Amino acid sequence: MEQTLKGKTALVTAAANGIGRASAEAMAARGANVIATDIDGPAVTAMADASPNITGHQLDVLDAAAVESLVASVAPVHILLNCAGWVHDGTILDCDEEVWDRSFNLNAKAMYRITKAVLPGMRDSGTGSIINIASIVSSEKGAPRRFAYGASKAAIIGMTKSIAADFVKDGIRCNAICPGTVQSPSLNDRLAATGDFDKALAAFKDRQPMGRLGQPEEIAEMVCYLAGDLSAFTTGQAFAVDGGWSI
């Protein structure tokens, strides 16, 4: 059975690059009306220019008033993809309170904020699919030098299960995706910051049993599945899409 998202409105955060962009484009290709948001306004505007099913909006997910204003201005949202996030490199000894707060503010609190804004409309319409991008580095698996990141991504899985339990009788589903290492501009920046891009890239590939990084389009396929009606019996789950890293 072919998956279609026609007639559904999808709101995507961090849609300018990586998983967010690939997912926004994949949902639009399946007929969804996609509201692509990102702090990089010109990037999502360019996406909208390239697709009749995408509208672009600049959004800083750390700005509570901006989140409320955006959600109030758009049509009822049927699909919410929470994709914004930040990776800190370090152990607990490298994590001061500023790093801890930034990790939780961007990875968890922003997700809480936009989900809370969208949920009443979903409940009124009696349908909704919330998809949270967590990470396999979370409550699922530990990784060296990912203390604040892993803790904040674990919080996402906890939120996902709680939301799923609270709203299952309202026709609202909530699931998380836990990617392994996925190719993206932000990953390239982090690899370059090590001072030896090729060595760092090789190390990331070596820890993946498949010997390669994931591609954003591979995560986008899981997003589309969870967004659509073929997954209507699925909620409260954390799906590993990690190239076998968690085996």
C-alpha atoms as a PDB file:
ATOM      1  CA  MET A   1       0.000   0.000   0.000  1.00  0.00           C
ATOM      2  CA  GLU A   2       1.393   3.382  -1.009  1.00  0.00           C
ATOM      3  CA  GLN A   3       1.768   5.910   1.783  1.00  0.00           C
ATOM      4  CA  THR A   4       0.127   9.270   1.119  1.00  0.00           C
ATOM      5  CA  LEU A   5       0.029  12.360   3.271  1.00  0.00           C
ATOM      6  CA  LYS A   6      -2.439  14.314   1.160  1.00  0.00           C
ATOM      7  CA  GLY A   7      -4.714  16.553   3.188  1.00  0.00           C
ATOM      8  CA  LYS A   8      -2.310  16.662   6.147  1.00  0.00           C
ATOM      9  CA  THR A   9      -0.409  19.692   7.406  1.00  0.00           C
ATOM     10  CA  ALA A  10       3.066  19.017   8.779  1.00  0.00           C
ATOM     11  CA  LEU A  11       5.111  21.401  10.920  1.00  0.00           C
ATOM     12  CA  VAL A  12       8.863  20.748  10.885  1.00  0.00           C
ATOM     13  CA  THR A  13      11.510  22.391  13.067  1.00  0.00           C
ATOM     14  CA  ALA A  14      15.168  22.675  11.988  1.00  0.00           C
ATOM     15  CA  ALA A  15      14.032  22.119   8.402  1.00  0.00           C
ATOM     16  CA  ALA A  16      16.891  23.923   6.652  1.00  0.00           C
ATOM     17  CA  ASN A  17      19.383  21.045   6.695  1.00  0.00           C
ATOM     18  CA  GLY A  18      19.957  17.389   7.436  1.00  0.00           C
ATOM     19  CA  ILE A  19      17.151  15.208   8.750  1.00  0.00           C
ATOM     20  CA  GLY A  20      14.724  18.124   9.009  1.00  0.00           C
ATOM     21  CA  ARG A  21      15.178  19.150   5.389  1.00  0.00           C
ATOM     22  CA  ALA A  22      15.059  15.606   4.009  1.00  0.00           C
ATOM     23  CA  SER A  23      11.915  14.883   6.020  1.00  0.00           C
ATOM     24  CA  ALA A  24      10.175  18.097   5.001  1.00  0.00           C
ATOM     25  CA  GLU A  25      10.885  17.387   1.342  1.00  0.00           C
ATOM     26  CA  ALA A  26       9.839  13.736   1.637  1.00  0.00           C
ATOM     27  CA  MET A  27       6.527  14.614   3.288  1.00  0.00           C
ATOM     28  CA  ALA A  28       5.868  17.303   0.693  1.00  0.00           C
ATOM     29  CA  ALA A  29       6.558  14.777  -2.069  1.00  0.00           C
ATOM     30  CA  ARG A  30       3.880  12.553  -0.529  1.00  0.00           C
ATOM     31  CA  GLY A  31       1.339  15.369  -0.684  1.00  0.00           C
ATOM     32  CA  ALA A  32       1.560  16.959   2.766  1.00  0.00           C
ATOM     33  CA  ASN A  33       1.373  20.714   3.182  1.00  0.00           C
ATOM     34  CA  VAL A  34       4.662  21.316   4.969  1.00  0.00           C
ATOM     35  CA  ILE A  35       5.418  24.292   7.199  1.00  0.00           C
ATOM     36  CA  ALA A  36       9.217  24.314   7.192  1.00  0.00           C
ATOM     37  CA  THR A  37      10.710  26.321  10.045  1.00  0.00           C
ATOM     38  CA  ASP A  38      14.290  27.128  10.935  1.00  0.00           C
ATOM     39  CA  ILE A  39      16.324  29.906  12.498  1.00  0.00           C
ATOM     40  CA  ASP A  40      17.823  30.244   8.992  1.00  0.00           C
ATOM     41  CA  GLY A  41      14.890  31.999   7.338  1.00  0.00           C
ATOM     42  CA  PRO A  42      16.398  32.374   3.840  1.00  0.00           C
ATOM     43  CA  ALA A  43      17.112  28.641   3.657  1.00  0.00           C
ATOM     44  CA  VAL A  44      13.512  27.597   4.320  1.00  0.00           C
ATOM     45  CA  THR A  45      12.268  30.356   2.021  1.00  0.00           C
ATOM     46  CA  ALA A  46      14.380  28.821  -0.745  1.00  0.00           C
ATOM     47  CA  MET A  47      12.862  25.417   0.023  1.00  0.00           C
ATOM     48  CA  ALA A  48       9.401  26.918  -0.339  1.00  0.00           C
ATOM     49  CA  ASP A  49      10.350  28.468  -3.677  1.00  0.00           C
ATOM     50  CA  ALA A  50      11.319  25.011  -4.925  1.00  0.00           C
ATOM     51  CA  SER A  51       8.155  23.172  -3.829  1.00  0.00           C
ATOM     52  CA  PRO A  52       4.486  24.149  -4.062  1.00  0.00           C
ATOM     53  CA  ASN A  53       3.765  22.039  -0.963  1.00  0.00           C
ATOM     54  CA  ILE A  54       6.235  23.840   1.330  1.00  0.00           C
ATOM     55  CA  THR A  55       5.936  27.196   3.070  1.00  0.00           C
ATOM     56  CA  GLY A  56       8.949  28.582   4.906  1.00  0.00           C
ATOM     57  CA  HIS A  57       8.952  30.441   8.220  1.00  0.00           C
ATOM     58  CA  GLN A  58      11.893  31.738  10.212  1.00  0.00           C
ATOM     59  CA  LEU A  59      11.618  30.430  13.761  1.00  0.00           C
ATOM     60  CA  ASP A  60      13.871  30.392  16.785  1.00  0.00           C
ATOM     61  CA  VAL A  61      12.531  27.489  18.862  1.00  0.00           C
ATOM     62  CA  LEU A  62      14.104  29.063  21.958  1.00  0.00           C
ATOM     63  CA  ASP A  63      11.758  32.037  21.601  1.00  0.00           C
ATOM     64  CA  ALA A  64       8.536  31.063  23.380  1.00  0.00           C
ATOM     65  CA  ALA A  65       6.551  34.017  22.025  1.00  0.00           C
ATOM     66  CA  ALA A  66       7.631  33.249  18.453  1.00  0.00           C
ATOM     67  CA  VAL A  67       6.570  29.628  18.828  1.00  0.00           C
ATOM     68  CA  GLU A  68       3.140  30.599  20.141  1.00  0.00           C
ATOM     69  CA  SER A  69       2.697  33.165  17.369  1.00  0.00           C
ATOM     70  CA  LEU A  70       3.635  30.744  14.605  1.00  0.00           C
ATOM     71  CA  VAL A  71       1.379  27.942  15.809  1.00  0.00           C
ATOM     72  CA  ALA A  72      -1.525  30.375  16.157  1.00  0.00           C
ATOM     73  CA  SER A  73      -1.001  31.625  12.602  1.00  0.00           C
ATOM     74  CA  VAL A  74      -0.991  28.308  10.746  1.00  0.00           C
ATOM     75  CA  ALA A  75      -3.747  25.861   9.914  1.00  0.00           C
ATOM     76  CA  PRO A  76      -4.380  23.023  12.363  1.00  0.00           C
ATOM     77  CA  VAL A  77      -1.289  20.815  12.401  1.00  0.00           C
ATOM     78  CA  HIS A  78      -1.737  17.086  11.814  1.00  0.00           C
ATOM     79  CA  ILE A  79       1.955  16.148  11.904  1.00  0.00           C
ATOM     80  CA  LEU A  80       4.662  17.657  14.105  1.00  0.00           C
ATOM     81  CA  LEU A  81       8.297  16.776  13.486  1.00  0.00           C
ATOM     82  CA  ASN A  82      10.548  18.030  16.299  1.00  0.00           C
ATOM     83  CA  CYS A  83      14.015  18.045  14.793  1.00  0.00           C
ATOM     84  CA  ALA A  84      15.933  20.921  16.388  1.00  0.00           C
ATOM     85  CA  GLY A  85      18.947  19.883  18.443  1.00  0.00           C
ATOM     86  CA  TRP A  86      22.531  20.516  19.493  1.00  0.00           C
ATOM     87  CA  VAL A  87      25.486  18.226  20.223  1.00  0.00           C
ATOM     88  CA  HIS A  88      27.954  19.005  22.989  1.00  0.00           C
ATOM     89  CA  ASP A  89      31.270  17.146  22.964  1.00  0.00           C
ATOM     90  CA  GLY A  90      32.428  16.254  26.458  1.00  0.00           C
ATOM     91  CA  THR A  91      32.082  14.271  29.665  1.00  0.00           C
ATOM     92  CA  ILE A  92      30.318  15.478  32.814  1.00  0.00           C
ATOM     93  CA  LEU A  93      33.611  17.155  33.812  1.00  0.00           C
ATOM     94  CA  ASP A  94      33.506  19.248  30.625  1.00  0.00           C
ATOM     95  CA  CYS A  95      29.865  20.177  31.151  1.00  0.00           C
ATOM     96  CA  ASP A  96      29.325  23.398  33.044  1.00  0.00           C
ATOM     97  CA  GLU A  97      25.850  24.653  33.837  1.00  0.00           C
ATOM     98  CA  GLU A  98      25.740  26.815  30.719  1.00  0.00           C
ATOM     99  CA  VAL A  99      26.372  23.773  28.503  1.00  0.00           C
ATOM    100  CA  TRP A 100      23.857  21.710  30.466  1.00  0.00           C
ATOM    101  CA  ASP A 101      21.196  24.412  30.118  1.00  0.00           C
ATOM    102  CA  ARG A 102      21.845  24.913  26.393  1.00  0.00           C
ATOM    103  CA  SER A 103      21.606  21.172  25.777  1.00  0.00           C
ATOM    104  CA  PHE A 104      18.304  20.828  27.575  1.00  0.00           C
ATOM    105  CA  ASN A 105      16.876  24.115  26.302  1.00  0.00           C
ATOM    106  CA  LEU A 106      17.444  23.270  22.651  1.00  0.00           C
ATOM    107  CA  ASN A 107      17.094  19.490  22.701  1.00  0.00           C
ATOM    108  CA  ALA A 108      14.247  19.097  25.203  1.00  0.00           C
ATOM    109  CA  LYS A 109      12.623  22.335  26.363  1.00  0.00           C
ATOM    110  CA  ALA A 110      12.077  23.657  22.829  1.00  0.00           C
ATOM    111  CA  MET A 111      10.400  20.355  21.964  1.00  0.00           C
ATOM    112  CA  TYR A 112       8.191  20.577  25.046  1.00  0.00           C
ATOM    113  CA  ARG A 113       7.270  24.150  24.134  1.00  0.00           C
ATOM    114  CA  ILE A 114       6.215  23.581  20.520  1.00  0.00           C
ATOM    115  CA  THR A 115       4.468  20.292  21.290  1.00  0.00           C
ATOM    116  CA  LYS A 116       2.438  21.943  24.027  1.00  0.00           C
ATOM    117  CA  ALA A 117       1.413  24.685  21.579  1.00  0.00           C
ATOM    118  CA  VAL A 118       0.347  22.226  18.855  1.00  0.00           C
ATOM    119  CA  LEU A 119      -1.437  19.612  20.994  1.00  0.00           C
ATOM    120  CA  PRO A 120      -4.711  21.496  21.675  1.00  0.00           C
ATOM    121  CA  GLY A 121      -5.403  21.798  17.945  1.00  0.00           C
ATOM    122  CA  MET A 122      -4.661  18.114  17.426  1.00  0.00           C
ATOM    123  CA  ARG A 123      -6.985  17.207  20.265  1.00  0.00           C
ATOM    124  CA  ASP A 124      -9.755  19.385  18.827  1.00  0.00           C
ATOM    125  CA  SER A 125      -9.433  17.671  15.441  1.00  0.00           C
ATOM    126  CA  GLY A 126      -9.173  14.206  16.983  1.00  0.00           C
ATOM    127  CA  THR A 127      -5.998  13.256  15.131  1.00  0.00           C
ATOM    128  CA  GLY A 128      -2.289  13.907  15.165  1.00  0.00           C
ATOM    129  CA  SER A 129       1.149  12.353  14.843  1.00  0.00           C
ATOM    130  CA  ILE A 130       4.057  13.812  16.813  1.00  0.00           C
ATOM    131  CA  ILE A 131       7.509  12.589  15.805  1.00  0.00           C
ATOM    132  CA  ASN A 132      10.478  13.471  17.995  1.00  0.00           C
ATOM    133  CA  ILE A 133      14.043  13.130  16.803  1.00  0.00           C
ATOM    134  CA  ALA A 134      15.931  11.694  19.763  1.00  0.00           C
ATOM    135  CA  SER A 135      19.147   9.699  19.318  1.00  0.00           C
ATOM    136  CA  ILE A 136      20.410   6.212  19.867  1.00  0.00           C
ATOM    137  CA  VAL A 137      22.772   8.000  22.302  1.00  0.00           C
ATOM    138  CA  SER A 138      20.168   8.500  25.012  1.00  0.00           C
ATOM    139  CA  SER A 139      18.494   6.058  27.357  1.00  0.00           C
ATOM    140  CA  GLU A 140      19.111   3.531  24.564  1.00  0.00           C
ATOM    141  CA  LYS A 141      22.922   3.628  24.527  1.00  0.00           C
ATOM    142  CA  GLY A 142      25.824   5.522  26.022  1.00  0.00           C
ATOM    143  CA  ALA A 143      28.661   6.984  23.962  1.00  0.00           C
ATOM    144  CA  PRO A 144      31.950   8.586  24.998  1.00  0.00           C
ATOM    145  CA  ARG A 145      31.935  12.371  25.401  1.00  0.00           C
ATOM    146  CA  ARG A 146      28.196  12.773  24.910  1.00  0.00           C
ATOM    147  CA  PHE A 147      27.126  13.422  28.509  1.00  0.00           C
ATOM    148  CA  ALA A 148      24.807  16.433  28.129  1.00  0.00           C
ATOM    149  CA  TYR A 149      23.637  15.324  24.698  1.00  0.00           C
ATOM    150  CA  GLY A 150      22.762  11.797  25.826  1.00  0.00           C
ATOM    151  CA  ALA A 151      20.985  13.034  28.935  1.00  0.00           C
ATOM    152  CA  SER A 152      18.870  15.528  26.989  1.00  0.00           C
ATOM    153  CA  LYS A 153      18.025  13.005  24.280  1.00  0.00           C
ATOM    154  CA  ALA A 154      16.988  10.514  26.958  1.00  0.00           C
ATOM    155  CA  ALA A 155      14.566  13.160  28.214  1.00  0.00           C
ATOM    156  CA  ILE A 156      12.995  13.235  24.749  1.00  0.00           C
ATOM    157  CA  ILE A 157      12.229   9.526  24.925  1.00  0.00           C
ATOM    158  CA  GLY A 158      10.624  10.030  28.332  1.00  0.00           C
ATOM    159  CA  MET A 159       8.508  12.896  26.995  1.00  0.00           C
ATOM    160  CA  THR A 160       7.515  10.834  23.977  1.00  0.00           C
ATOM    161  CA  LYS A 161       6.179   7.976  26.069  1.00  0.00           C
ATOM    162  CA  SER A 162       4.379  10.293  28.471  1.00  0.00           C
ATOM    163  CA  ILE A 163       2.648  12.243  25.686  1.00  0.00           C
ATOM    164  CA  ALA A 164       1.675   9.001  23.970  1.00  0.00           C
ATOM    165  CA  ALA A 165       0.091   7.676  27.167  1.00  0.00           C
ATOM    166  CA  ASP A 166      -1.752  10.907  27.970  1.00  0.00           C
ATOM    167  CA  PHE A 167      -3.300  11.457  24.528  1.00  0.00           C
ATOM    168  CA  VAL A 168      -3.769   7.993  23.054  1.00  0.00           C
ATOM    169  CA  LYS A 169      -7.553   8.210  23.549  1.00  0.00           C
ATOM    170  CA  ASP A 170      -7.636  11.567  21.731  1.00  0.00           C
ATOM    171  CA  GLY A 171      -6.440  10.072  18.452  1.00  0.00           C
ATOM    172  CA  ILE A 172      -2.951  11.493  18.926  1.00  0.00           C
ATOM    173  CA  ARG A 173       0.166   9.391  18.521  1.00  0.00           C
ATOM    174  CA  CYS A 174       3.679  10.271  19.663  1.00  0.00           C
ATOM    175  CA  ASN A 175       6.809   8.375  18.658  1.00  0.00           C
ATOM    176  CA  ALA A 176      10.544   8.981  18.688  1.00  0.00           C
ATOM    177  CA  ILE A 177      13.245   8.156  16.179  1.00  0.00           C
ATOM    178  CA  CYS A 178      16.718   7.349  17.490  1.00  0.00           C
ATOM    179  CA  PRO A 179      19.243   7.824  14.673  1.00  0.00           C
ATOM    180  CA  GLY A 180      22.831   6.731  14.741  1.00  0.00           C
ATOM    181  CA  THR A 181      25.397   9.033  13.177  1.00  0.00           C
ATOM    182  CA  VAL A 182      23.847  10.731  10.155  1.00  0.00           C
ATOM    183  CA  GLN A 183      25.593  12.791   7.498  1.00  0.00           C
ATOM    184  CA  SER A 184      24.697  16.470   7.857  1.00  0.00           C
ATOM    185  CA  PRO A 185      26.231  19.947   7.624  1.00  0.00           C
ATOM    186  CA  SER A 186      26.338  20.175  11.422  1.00  0.00           C
ATOM    187  CA  LEU A 187      28.240  16.874  11.598  1.00  0.00           C
ATOM    188  CA  ASN A 188      30.714  18.173   9.023  1.00  0.00           C
ATOM    189  CA  ASP A 189      31.252  21.265  11.173  1.00  0.00           C
ATOM    190  CA  ARG A 190      31.954  19.115  14.218  1.00  0.00           C
ATOM    191  CA  LEU A 191      34.360  16.914  12.259  1.00  0.00           C
ATOM    192  CA  ALA A 192      36.199  19.960  10.957  1.00  0.00           C
ATOM    193  CA  ALA A 193      36.431  21.386  14.478  1.00  0.00           C
ATOM    194  CA  THR A 194      38.563  18.404  15.537  1.00  0.00           C
ATOM    195  CA  GLY A 195      41.372  19.682  13.339  1.00  0.00           C
ATOM    196  CA  ASP A 196      41.544  16.451  11.331  1.00  0.00           C
ATOM    197  CA  PHE A 197      38.338  15.997   9.352  1.00  0.00           C
ATOM    198  CA  ASP A 198      39.320  12.738   7.639  1.00  0.00           C
ATOM    199  CA  LYS A 199      40.519  11.059  10.833  1.00  0.00           C
ATOM    200  CA  ALA A 200      37.371  12.088  12.723  1.00  0.00           C
ATOM    201  CA  LEU A 201      35.141  10.904   9.869  1.00  0.00           C
ATOM    202  CA  ALA A 202      36.894   7.548   9.776  1.00  0.00           C
ATOM    203  CA  ALA A 203      36.387   7.151  13.544  1.00  0.00           C
ATOM    204  CA  PHE A 204      32.662   7.880  13.226  1.00  0.00           C
ATOM    205  CA  LYS A 205      32.332   5.342  10.422  1.00  0.00           C
ATOM    206  CA  ASP A 206      34.295   2.729  12.358  1.00  0.00           C
ATOM    207  CA  ARG A 207      31.856   2.776  15.270  1.00  0.00           C
ATOM    208  CA  GLN A 208      28.964   2.003  12.898  1.00  0.00           C
ATOM    209  CA  PRO A 209      28.659  -1.760  12.279  1.00  0.00           C
ATOM    210  CA  MET A 210      27.649  -1.073   8.677  1.00  0.00           C
ATOM    211  CA  GLY A 211      30.864   0.884   8.198  1.00  0.00           C
ATOM    212  CA  ARG A 212      29.130   4.010   6.953  1.00  0.00           C
ATOM    213  CA  LEU A 213      27.133   6.976   8.133  1.00  0.00           C
ATOM    214  CA  GLY A 214      23.379   7.164   7.766  1.00  0.00           C
ATOM    215  CA  GLN A 215      21.828   9.474   5.208  1.00  0.00           C
ATOM    216  CA  PRO A 216      19.118  11.999   6.093  1.00  0.00           C
ATOM    217  CA  GLU A 217      16.805  10.450   3.510  1.00  0.00           C
ATOM    218  CA  GLU A 218      16.934   7.143   5.378  1.00  0.00           C
ATOM    219  CA  ILE A 219      15.609   8.802   8.521  1.00  0.00           C
ATOM    220  CA  ALA A 220      13.043  10.706   6.458  1.00  0.00           C
ATOM    221  CA  GLU A 221      11.497   7.429   5.330  1.00  0.00           C
ATOM    222  CA  MET A 222      10.797   6.495   8.950  1.00  0.00           C
ATOM    223  CA  VAL A 223       9.395   9.981   9.530  1.00  0.00           C
ATOM    224  CA  CYS A 224       6.968   9.532   6.651  1.00  0.00           C
ATOM    225  CA  TYR A 225       5.874   6.133   7.933  1.00  0.00           C
ATOM    226  CA  LEU A 226       5.159   7.483  11.408  1.00  0.00           C
ATOM    227  CA  ALA A 227       3.459  10.561   9.962  1.00  0.00           C
ATOM    228  CA  GLY A 228       0.948   8.587   7.916  1.00  0.00           C
ATOM    229  CA  ASP A 229      -2.003   6.323   8.464  1.00  0.00           C
ATOM    230  CA  LEU A 230      -0.046   3.105   7.863  1.00  0.00           C
ATOM    231  CA  SER A 231       1.374   3.533  11.377  1.00  0.00           C
ATOM    232  CA  ALA A 232      -2.011   4.298  12.965  1.00  0.00           C
ATOM    233  CA  PHE A 233      -1.591   1.463  15.519  1.00  0.00           C
ATOM    234  CA  THR A 234       1.848   2.646  16.637  1.00  0.00           C
ATOM    235  CA  THR A 235       2.492   5.049  19.520  1.00  0.00           C
ATOM    236  CA  GLY A 236       4.879   5.571  22.411  1.00  0.00           C
ATOM    237  CA  GLN A 237       7.799   3.859  20.695  1.00  0.00           C
ATOM    238  CA  ALA A 238      11.456   4.756  20.194  1.00  0.00           C
ATOM    239  CA  PHE A 239      12.706   3.457  16.850  1.00  0.00           C
ATOM    240  CA  ALA A 240      16.414   2.843  16.360  1.00  0.00           C
ATOM    241  CA  VAL A 241      17.565   3.768  12.863  1.00  0.00           C
ATOM    242  CA  ASP A 242      21.242   3.464  13.637  1.00  0.00           C
ATOM    243  CA  GLY A 243      22.975   1.106  11.215  1.00  0.00           C
ATOM    244  CA  GLY A 244      23.136  -1.589  13.872  1.00  0.00           C
ATOM    245  CA  TRP A 245      25.081   0.508  16.409  1.00  0.00           C
ATOM    246  CA  SER A 246      22.764  -0.585  19.232  1.00  0.00           C
ATOM    247  CA  ILE A 247      22.917  -4.321  18.473  1.00  0.00           C
END
